[in-house]
């Protein structure tokens, strides 16, 4: 049976989730239309959203990410995956509905996925956000830059590699998610420091400072975790599909 390790205060668990378990093809139980594990574990809303994807690979990756997320959260909460109740805040951030589960608030989490990998960040004390993006050629970078990056950031990224560009992108999106505003807050209201170690978000209630933690370098993707307070450790974990399937 799957169980998560103890989540210590001031520690974040960063779960890597393979969205193509066993290297593909997808197990039948994760195919939404087969009405097996995905239907058993996902909420009605999640199942409906998975089914709306036109492309089967997108349906399967969404289902895999959310099935794994529910098993992980359920393990921390000592509840079956299907009994984890999620809610959505006013600005769209998913949270655990502790009141509906009759539990004391104890977890913050955030999920991000790209291509065949997802990251789930879980902490116990403070808001956090995570973003992962596949590193790829961006032909429309100048147009995107004007909408996303401040003047200082644009100057820094003029001749930047795709890798550095995506390091800034994931940092900015991780902060947007951590604030709870998402893209309701303009990315131009967030300033990423050149060190990629912290950012300032100019929220309606005033500026807030966020700490940035980059995942180990990879030639395939860029990933950043944003936290509202210092943390002592980030434990990198791998979701064990073999214990579920």
Protein backbone atom coordinates (compact mmCIF):
# COMPACT_ATOMS: atom_id res chain seq x y z
CA UNK A 1 0.00 0.00 0.00
CA UNK A 2 1.27 3.46 -0.89
CA UNK A 3 2.20 5.77 1.97
CA UNK A 4 3.94 9.13 1.96
CA UNK A 5 6.91 9.92 4.20
CA UNK A 6 6.50 12.16 7.24
CA UNK A 7 6.15 15.81 6.24
CA UNK A 8 8.25 17.83 8.67
CA UNK A 9 7.67 21.53 9.38
CA UNK A 10 9.67 23.86 7.11
CA UNK A 11 10.05 21.06 4.57
CA UNK A 12 8.44 20.75 1.16
CA UNK A 13 7.92 17.42 -0.55
CA UNK A 14 8.29 17.72 -4.31
CA UNK A 15 6.77 14.70 -6.01
CA UNK A 16 7.71 13.81 -9.56
CA UNK A 17 4.89 11.99 -11.33
CA UNK A 18 5.49 10.05 -14.53
CA UNK A 19 2.44 10.70 -16.70
CA UNK A 20 3.20 7.71 -18.89
CA UNK A 21 3.61 4.96 -16.27
CA UNK A 22 5.98 2.17 -17.23
CA UNK A 23 6.98 4.13 -20.33
CA UNK A 24 3.56 3.67 -21.97
CA UNK A 25 1.24 2.55 -23.33
CA UNK A 26 -1.09 3.77 -20.62
CA UNK A 27 -2.59 1.13 -18.33
CA UNK A 28 -6.25 0.58 -19.18
CA UNK A 29 -7.29 1.55 -15.66
CA UNK A 30 -6.07 5.12 -16.25
CA UNK A 31 -8.05 5.59 -19.46
CA UNK A 32 -11.10 7.67 -18.40
CA UNK A 33 -13.49 6.04 -20.86
CA UNK A 34 -12.65 2.57 -19.50
CA UNK A 35 -14.38 3.54 -16.25
CA UNK A 36 -11.84 1.84 -13.97
CA UNK A 37 -9.29 3.47 -11.63
CA UNK A 38 -9.71 6.95 -13.09
CA UNK A 39 -13.49 6.81 -12.63
CA UNK A 40 -13.14 5.35 -9.15
CA UNK A 41 -10.66 7.93 -7.86
CA UNK A 42 -11.38 11.20 -9.69
CA UNK A 43 -14.19 13.53 -8.70
CA UNK A 44 -17.06 14.01 -11.13
CA UNK A 45 -15.59 17.39 -12.13
CA UNK A 46 -12.11 15.96 -12.73
CA UNK A 47 -13.50 13.02 -14.68
CA UNK A 48 -15.61 15.32 -16.84
CA UNK A 49 -12.64 17.59 -17.53
CA UNK A 50 -10.44 14.64 -18.48
CA UNK A 51 -13.12 13.41 -20.86
CA UNK A 52 -13.37 16.81 -22.58
CA UNK A 53 -9.80 16.69 -23.92
CA UNK A 54 -10.02 15.89 -27.63
CA UNK A 55 -6.61 14.21 -27.72
CA UNK A 56 -6.37 10.87 -25.93
CA UNK A 57 -2.77 11.51 -24.75
CA UNK A 58 -3.96 14.74 -23.09
CA UNK A 59 -6.89 12.92 -21.46
CA UNK A 60 -4.56 10.25 -20.15
CA UNK A 61 -1.94 12.66 -18.84
CA UNK A 62 -4.55 14.75 -17.05
CA UNK A 63 -6.10 11.63 -15.51
CA UNK A 64 -2.69 10.26 -14.48
CA UNK A 65 -1.65 13.54 -12.83
CA UNK A 66 -4.87 13.86 -10.85
CA UNK A 67 -5.08 10.19 -9.86
CA UNK A 68 -1.51 10.37 -8.51
CA UNK A 69 -2.21 13.70 -6.78
CA UNK A 70 -5.21 12.20 -4.99
CA UNK A 71 -3.24 9.18 -3.79
CA UNK A 72 -0.47 11.45 -2.49
CA UNK A 73 -2.81 13.89 -0.72
CA UNK A 74 -4.89 11.03 0.65
CA UNK A 75 -1.78 9.44 2.10
CA UNK A 76 -0.90 12.59 4.04
CA UNK A 77 -4.51 13.00 5.20
CA UNK A 78 -4.94 9.30 6.07
CA UNK A 79 -7.90 9.03 3.73
CA UNK A 80 -8.54 6.98 0.57
CA UNK A 81 -7.73 8.84 -2.64
CA UNK A 82 -11.38 8.95 -3.70
CA UNK A 83 -12.38 10.58 -0.39
CA UNK A 84 -10.09 13.60 -0.74
CA UNK A 85 -12.40 16.59 -1.14
CA UNK A 86 -11.03 19.47 -3.17
CA UNK A 87 -12.42 22.97 -3.55
CA UNK A 88 -11.49 25.96 -5.68
CA UNK A 89 -10.75 29.38 -4.24
CA UNK A 90 -12.27 32.54 -5.72
CA UNK A 91 -9.32 33.05 -8.08
CA UNK A 92 -9.23 29.41 -9.12
CA UNK A 93 -6.56 27.86 -6.89
CA UNK A 94 -7.37 24.25 -5.90
CA UNK A 95 -7.23 23.53 -2.17
CA UNK A 96 -8.17 20.69 0.15
CA UNK A 97 -11.65 21.29 1.58
CA UNK A 98 -10.73 20.52 5.17
CA UNK A 99 -14.14 21.58 6.48
CA UNK A 100 -15.93 19.11 4.20
CA UNK A 101 -13.52 16.39 5.31
CA UNK A 102 -13.91 17.40 8.98
CA UNK A 103 -10.17 17.83 9.33
CA UNK A 104 -8.00 20.61 10.72
CA UNK A 105 -6.12 22.52 7.97
CA UNK A 106 -2.74 20.87 7.58
CA UNK A 107 -1.59 20.93 3.95
CA UNK A 108 -0.72 23.31 1.14
CA UNK A 109 -0.24 21.82 -2.31
CA UNK A 110 0.23 22.81 -5.92
CA UNK A 111 0.33 20.76 -9.12
CA UNK A 112 1.96 21.47 -12.48
CA UNK A 113 2.51 19.28 -15.52
CA UNK A 114 4.10 19.44 -18.95
CA UNK A 115 4.30 16.74 -21.59
CA UNK A 116 4.87 13.42 -19.78
CA UNK A 117 5.85 14.70 -16.32
CA UNK A 118 4.08 16.40 -13.42
CA UNK A 119 5.31 17.94 -10.18
CA UNK A 120 3.25 18.09 -7.01
CA UNK A 121 4.55 20.33 -4.22
CA UNK A 122 3.24 19.63 -0.70
CA UNK A 123 3.98 21.65 2.43
CA UNK A 124 2.42 21.97 5.86
CA UNK A 125 2.84 25.59 6.90
CA UNK A 126 2.80 28.22 4.14
CA UNK A 127 1.40 28.86 0.65
CA UNK A 128 3.50 27.61 -2.24
CA UNK A 129 3.41 27.31 -6.00
CA UNK A 130 5.23 25.14 -8.51
CA UNK A 131 5.60 25.27 -12.26
CA UNK A 132 7.31 22.99 -14.76
CA UNK A 133 7.67 23.63 -18.49
CA UNK A 134 9.29 21.68 -21.30
CA UNK A 135 12.23 23.64 -22.72
CA UNK A 136 11.53 24.30 -26.39
CA UNK A 137 12.05 26.83 -29.14
CA UNK A 138 9.77 29.86 -28.74
CA UNK A 139 9.37 31.65 -32.08
CA UNK A 140 7.05 34.28 -30.59
CA UNK A 141 9.28 35.25 -27.67
CA UNK A 142 9.32 39.04 -28.35
CA UNK A 143 5.52 39.24 -28.29
CA UNK A 144 5.24 37.10 -25.18
CA UNK A 145 8.01 39.05 -23.46
CA UNK A 146 6.04 42.31 -23.70
CA UNK A 147 3.03 40.70 -22.01
CA UNK A 148 4.89 38.77 -19.32
CA UNK A 149 8.22 40.38 -18.45
CA UNK A 150 9.03 43.78 -16.98
CA UNK A 151 11.42 46.11 -18.79
CA UNK A 152 14.29 45.01 -16.53
CA UNK A 153 13.53 41.35 -17.20
CA UNK A 154 13.21 41.91 -20.96
CA UNK A 155 16.64 43.52 -21.12
CA UNK A 156 18.08 40.59 -19.21
CA UNK A 157 16.47 38.08 -21.58
CA UNK A 158 17.27 39.77 -24.91
CA UNK A 159 19.86 37.19 -25.95
CA UNK A 160 19.06 34.56 -23.34
CA UNK A 161 19.02 30.86 -24.11
CA UNK A 162 15.70 29.02 -24.19
CA UNK A 163 16.72 27.37 -20.93
CA UNK A 164 17.20 30.69 -19.11
CA UNK A 165 14.01 32.08 -20.66
CA UNK A 166 12.00 29.17 -19.28
CA UNK A 167 13.73 29.48 -15.89
CA UNK A 168 12.24 32.98 -15.69
CA UNK A 169 8.87 31.79 -17.01
CA UNK A 170 8.51 28.99 -14.44
CA UNK A 171 9.65 31.35 -11.67
CA UNK A 172 7.00 33.87 -12.64
CA UNK A 173 4.21 31.31 -12.96
CA UNK A 174 5.16 29.60 -9.68
CA UNK A 175 4.78 32.95 -7.91
CA UNK A 176 1.45 33.66 -9.65
CA UNK A 177 0.17 30.30 -8.43
CA UNK A 178 1.56 30.74 -4.93
CA UNK A 179 -0.19 34.10 -4.46
CA UNK A 180 -3.50 32.43 -5.24
CA UNK A 181 -4.27 34.99 -7.94
CA UNK A 182 -2.93 33.05 -10.91
CA UNK A 183 -3.22 35.11 -14.08
CA UNK A 184 -5.82 37.35 -12.41
CA UNK A 185 -2.65 39.16 -11.35
CA UNK A 186 -0.71 40.51 -14.32
CA UNK A 187 2.69 38.84 -14.74
CA UNK A 188 4.04 42.37 -15.16
CA UNK A 189 3.29 42.92 -11.47
CA UNK A 190 5.91 40.34 -10.54
CA UNK A 191 9.62 41.15 -10.67
CA UNK A 192 12.02 38.21 -10.81
CA UNK A 193 15.46 38.93 -9.37
CA UNK A 194 18.42 38.25 -11.68
CA UNK A 195 19.67 35.62 -9.22
CA UNK A 196 16.41 33.65 -9.68
CA UNK A 197 16.35 33.28 -5.90
CA UNK A 198 13.50 35.62 -5.03
CA UNK A 199 10.68 37.65 -6.56
CA UNK A 200 8.43 40.52 -5.52
CA UNK A 201 4.73 40.44 -6.36
CA UNK A 202 2.87 43.74 -6.34
CA UNK A 203 -0.47 42.46 -5.07
CA UNK A 204 -3.53 44.62 -4.37
CA UNK A 205 -2.83 44.35 -0.65
CA UNK A 206 0.77 45.48 -1.17
CA UNK A 207 4.08 43.95 -2.25
CA UNK A 208 4.94 40.43 -1.13
CA UNK A 209 8.31 38.70 -1.29
CA UNK A 210 8.62 35.12 -2.52
CA UNK A 211 11.56 32.76 -2.33
CA UNK A 212 12.42 30.78 -5.45
CA UNK A 213 13.86 27.26 -5.48
CA UNK A 214 14.91 25.83 -8.83
CA UNK A 215 14.82 22.12 -9.50
CA UNK A 216 18.07 20.42 -10.52
CA UNK A 217 19.11 21.44 -14.06
CA UNK A 218 17.65 19.39 -16.89
CA UNK A 219 18.00 19.60 -20.65
CA UNK A 220 14.31 18.70 -21.03
CA UNK A 221 12.46 21.02 -18.67
CA UNK A 222 12.66 23.94 -16.26
CA UNK A 223 10.93 23.85 -12.88
CA UNK A 224 10.63 26.34 -10.02
CA UNK A 225 9.08 26.18 -6.56
CA UNK A 226 7.95 29.43 -4.90
CA UNK A 227 7.46 29.67 -1.13
CA UNK A 228 6.32 32.52 1.08
CA UNK A 229 8.81 31.72 3.85
CA UNK A 230 12.24 30.08 4.14
CA UNK A 231 12.28 26.29 4.15
CA UNK A 232 14.91 23.95 5.50
CA UNK A 233 14.68 21.23 2.87
CA UNK A 234 13.04 20.15 -0.36
CA UNK A 235 12.67 16.38 -0.47
CA UNK A 236 12.58 15.09 -4.05
CA UNK A 237 10.24 12.10 -4.29
CA UNK A 238 9.06 9.79 -7.07
CA UNK A 239 5.45 8.64 -7.19
CA UNK A 240 5.50 4.80 -7.12
CA UNK A 241 2.98 3.76 -9.75
CA UNK A 242 3.93 0.12 -9.18
CA UNK A 243 2.24 0.31 -5.77
CA UNK A 244 -1.01 1.55 -7.31
CA UNK A 245 -1.46 -0.22 -10.64
